[in-house]
Amino acid sequence: MIRRHGRRPTIALWMLVAIADAALLVAAVGTVAVLLAVAATTLLCAVVAGVRMLQHRAPLLREPAVRRAHSATRDGNGGLRVAGARMAGGNG
């Protein structure tokens, strides 16, 4: 059969070819061998993902005293306190 230039097979055709290839591979090698290969590939991907997650750790928190000093300059609503201003409900 002669194909015209510029015409490409659709993705569905390639998916059918891939499924047929997988079926032939299972028939030739055996189900257990294919399952072992899939399990090994899955394990390898999990290890790589775990290593990447461990390498991208969150930054360490600041010292508690520094956090307390920083939060002491803020009012209860997230805004900065004004020097000499009284807070609502405060003691003075």
Protein backbone atom coordinates (compact mmCIF):
# COMPACT_ATOMS: atom_id res chain seq x y z
CA MET A 1 0.00 0.00 0.00
CA ILE A 2 1.38 3.39 -0.94
CA ARG A 3 1.07 6.18 1.58
CA ARG A 4 0.64 9.76 0.52
CA HIS A 5 3.14 12.28 1.81
CA GLY A 6 2.01 14.36 4.75
CA ARG A 7 -0.45 11.83 6.18
CA ARG A 8 0.37 10.52 9.63
CA PRO A 9 -1.17 7.65 11.53
CA THR A 10 -3.26 8.78 14.45
CA ILE A 11 -2.27 8.24 18.07
CA ALA A 12 -4.95 5.55 18.40
CA LEU A 13 -3.18 3.43 15.82
CA TRP A 14 0.10 3.73 17.71
CA MET A 15 -1.66 2.81 20.96
CA LEU A 16 -3.01 -0.34 19.32
CA VAL A 17 0.50 -1.17 18.13
CA ALA A 18 1.87 -0.64 21.65
CA ILE A 19 -0.79 -2.91 23.18
CA ALA A 20 -0.05 -5.60 20.62
CA ASP A 21 3.68 -5.29 21.33
CA ALA A 22 3.05 -5.65 25.06
CA ALA A 23 0.90 -8.72 24.47
CA LEU A 24 3.60 -10.30 22.29
CA LEU A 25 6.23 -9.51 24.91
CA VAL A 26 4.17 -11.15 27.67
CA ALA A 27 3.57 -14.20 25.49
CA ALA A 28 7.25 -14.53 24.61
CA VAL A 29 8.84 -13.84 27.98
CA GLY A 30 6.20 -14.94 30.42
CA THR A 31 3.82 -13.25 32.78
CA VAL A 32 6.02 -13.55 35.86
CA ALA A 33 9.02 -11.97 34.15
CA VAL A 34 6.95 -9.05 32.91
CA LEU A 35 5.41 -8.52 36.35
CA LEU A 36 8.89 -8.53 37.91
CA ALA A 37 10.09 -5.97 35.37
CA VAL A 38 7.08 -3.72 36.05
CA ALA A 39 7.61 -4.05 39.82
CA ALA A 40 11.30 -3.20 39.49
CA THR A 41 10.52 -0.16 37.36
CA THR A 42 7.91 1.03 39.85
CA LEU A 43 10.34 0.59 42.74
CA LEU A 44 13.05 2.49 40.89
CA CYS A 45 10.67 5.38 40.18
CA ALA A 46 9.60 5.48 43.84
CA VAL A 47 13.23 5.61 45.00
CA VAL A 48 14.07 8.41 42.58
CA ALA A 49 11.01 10.40 43.67
CA GLY A 50 11.90 9.88 47.34
CA VAL A 51 15.47 11.04 46.86
CA ARG A 52 14.29 14.13 45.01
CA MET A 53 11.79 14.94 47.75
CA LEU A 54 14.47 14.61 50.43
CA GLN A 55 16.83 16.90 48.54
CA HIS A 56 14.23 19.69 48.42
CA ARG A 57 13.69 20.09 52.16
CA ALA A 58 11.88 23.07 53.63
CA PRO A 59 14.11 25.76 55.16
CA LEU A 60 14.72 25.48 58.88
CA LEU A 61 12.60 27.64 61.17
CA ARG A 62 14.13 30.64 62.86
CA GLU A 63 15.13 30.59 66.51
CA PRO A 64 12.13 30.87 68.91
CA ALA A 65 13.47 34.11 70.47
CA VAL A 66 13.74 35.72 67.05
CA ARG A 67 10.19 34.62 66.20
CA ARG A 68 8.87 36.04 69.50
CA ALA A 69 10.69 39.34 68.95
CA HIS A 70 9.31 39.59 65.42
CA SER A 71 5.75 38.80 66.48
CA ALA A 72 5.94 41.33 69.34
CA THR A 73 6.06 44.16 66.80
CA ARG A 74 2.77 43.08 65.22
CA ASP A 75 -0.75 43.64 66.48
CA GLY A 76 -3.31 40.87 66.61
CA ASN A 77 -4.59 41.63 63.10
CA GLY A 78 -1.28 41.18 61.29
CA GLY A 79 -0.51 44.92 61.08
CA LEU A 80 2.40 46.79 62.64
CA ARG A 81 1.88 48.32 66.08
CA VAL A 82 2.24 52.07 66.35
CA ALA A 83 4.46 53.29 69.18
CA GLY A 84 2.35 54.57 72.07
CA ALA A 85 -0.94 53.22 70.67
CA ARG A 86 -3.15 51.25 72.99
CA MET A 87 -4.54 47.91 71.95
CA ALA A 88 -8.26 47.31 72.37
CA GLY A 89 -8.95 45.21 75.41
CA GLY A 90 -5.49 45.80 76.81
CA ASN A 91 -4.46 46.73 80.34
CA GLY A 92 -3.77 50.33 79.74
